[in-house]
Amino acid sequence: MGRTSRGRPKLKNAWVDEQERIISFTQLETGKIFLAEEEAFWDQILHWMRSGYRMQ
């Protein structure tokens, strides 16, 4: 799970605007890109959502 066919970790990305507390899977002009391996990515997304960030 979480690996490509060649055995490399699968990376996921999202844009995060910390000031507005927004997570987006499309580019945000005011956001920073967040890039991580799939399992760590979803753990962080859920952490942000539980702390009040909203998805866009």
C-alpha atoms as a PDB file:
ATOM      1  CA  MET A   1       0.000   0.000   0.000  1.00  0.00           C
ATOM      2  CA  GLY A   2       1.218   3.484  -0.770  1.00  0.00           C
ATOM      3  CA  ARG A   3       3.888   2.369  -3.209  1.00  0.00           C
ATOM      4  CA  THR A   4       4.214   2.742  -6.954  1.00  0.00           C
ATOM      5  CA  SER A   5       4.728  -0.278  -9.189  1.00  0.00           C
ATOM      6  CA  ARG A   6       8.487   0.313  -8.958  1.00  0.00           C
ATOM      7  CA  GLY A   7       8.503   0.231  -5.151  1.00  0.00           C
ATOM      8  CA  ARG A   8       8.975   3.953  -4.549  1.00  0.00           C
ATOM      9  CA  PRO A   9       6.764   5.669  -1.977  1.00  0.00           C
ATOM     10  CA  LYS A  10       3.635   7.281  -3.417  1.00  0.00           C
ATOM     11  CA  LEU A  11       3.607  11.026  -2.764  1.00  0.00           C
ATOM     12  CA  LYS A  12       0.485  13.158  -2.273  1.00  0.00           C
ATOM     13  CA  ASN A  13       0.200  16.925  -2.301  1.00  0.00           C
ATOM     14  CA  ALA A  14      -2.188  19.647  -1.178  1.00  0.00           C
ATOM     15  CA  TRP A  15      -2.020  23.399  -0.719  1.00  0.00           C
ATOM     16  CA  VAL A  16      -2.444  24.800   2.774  1.00  0.00           C
ATOM     17  CA  ASP A  17      -3.305  28.378   3.706  1.00  0.00           C
ATOM     18  CA  GLU A  18      -2.404  28.598   7.393  1.00  0.00           C
ATOM     19  CA  GLN A  19      -3.799  32.109   7.848  1.00  0.00           C
ATOM     20  CA  GLU A  20      -7.253  31.256   6.433  1.00  0.00           C
ATOM     21  CA  ARG A  21      -7.046  27.639   7.703  1.00  0.00           C
ATOM     22  CA  ILE A  22      -7.860  26.107   4.315  1.00  0.00           C
ATOM     23  CA  ILE A  23      -6.673  22.859   2.718  1.00  0.00           C
ATOM     24  CA  SER A  24      -7.076  22.472  -1.044  1.00  0.00           C
ATOM     25  CA  PHE A  25      -6.178  19.857  -3.636  1.00  0.00           C
ATOM     26  CA  THR A  26      -5.950  22.622  -6.223  1.00  0.00           C
ATOM     27  CA  GLN A  27      -3.408  25.409  -6.050  1.00  0.00           C
ATOM     28  CA  LEU A  28      -4.117  28.292  -3.672  1.00  0.00           C
ATOM     29  CA  GLU A  29      -2.471  31.620  -4.462  1.00  0.00           C
ATOM     30  CA  THR A  30      -1.885  32.265  -0.764  1.00  0.00           C
ATOM     31  CA  GLY A  31      -1.113  28.663   0.185  1.00  0.00           C
ATOM     32  CA  LYS A  32       2.034  26.628   0.596  1.00  0.00           C
ATOM     33  CA  ILE A  33       2.354  23.197  -0.950  1.00  0.00           C
ATOM     34  CA  PHE A  34       2.368  20.245   1.436  1.00  0.00           C
ATOM     35  CA  LEU A  35       3.972  17.095   0.035  1.00  0.00           C
ATOM     36  CA  ALA A  36       4.342  13.788   1.880  1.00  0.00           C
ATOM     37  CA  GLU A  37       4.188  10.035   1.500  1.00  0.00           C
ATOM     38  CA  GLU A  38       0.592   8.851   1.382  1.00  0.00           C
ATOM     39  CA  GLU A  39       0.183   7.596   4.969  1.00  0.00           C
ATOM     40  CA  ALA A  40       1.850  10.651   6.542  1.00  0.00           C
ATOM     41  CA  PHE A  41      -0.091  12.903   4.152  1.00  0.00           C
ATOM     42  CA  TRP A  42      -3.506  11.661   5.301  1.00  0.00           C
ATOM     43  CA  ASP A  43      -2.462  11.710   8.970  1.00  0.00           C
ATOM     44  CA  GLN A  44      -1.541  15.408   8.627  1.00  0.00           C
ATOM     45  CA  ILE A  45      -4.690  16.283   6.642  1.00  0.00           C
ATOM     46  CA  LEU A  46      -6.855  14.704   9.364  1.00  0.00           C
ATOM     47  CA  HIS A  47      -4.885  16.531  12.069  1.00  0.00           C
ATOM     48  CA  TRP A  48      -5.513  19.880  10.362  1.00  0.00           C
ATOM     49  CA  MET A  49      -9.202  19.118   9.880  1.00  0.00           C
ATOM     50  CA  ARG A  50      -9.630  18.164  13.539  1.00  0.00           C
ATOM     51  CA  SER A  51      -7.985  21.441  14.547  1.00  0.00           C
ATOM     52  CA  GLY A  52     -10.428  23.552  12.508  1.00  0.00           C
ATOM     53  CA  TYR A  53      -9.061  23.678   8.963  1.00  0.00           C
ATOM     54  CA  ARG A  54     -11.646  23.330   6.218  1.00  0.00           C
ATOM     55  CA  MET A  55     -11.371  21.602   2.859  1.00  0.00           C
ATOM     56  CA  GLN A  56     -11.889  23.527  -0.334  1.00  0.00           C
END
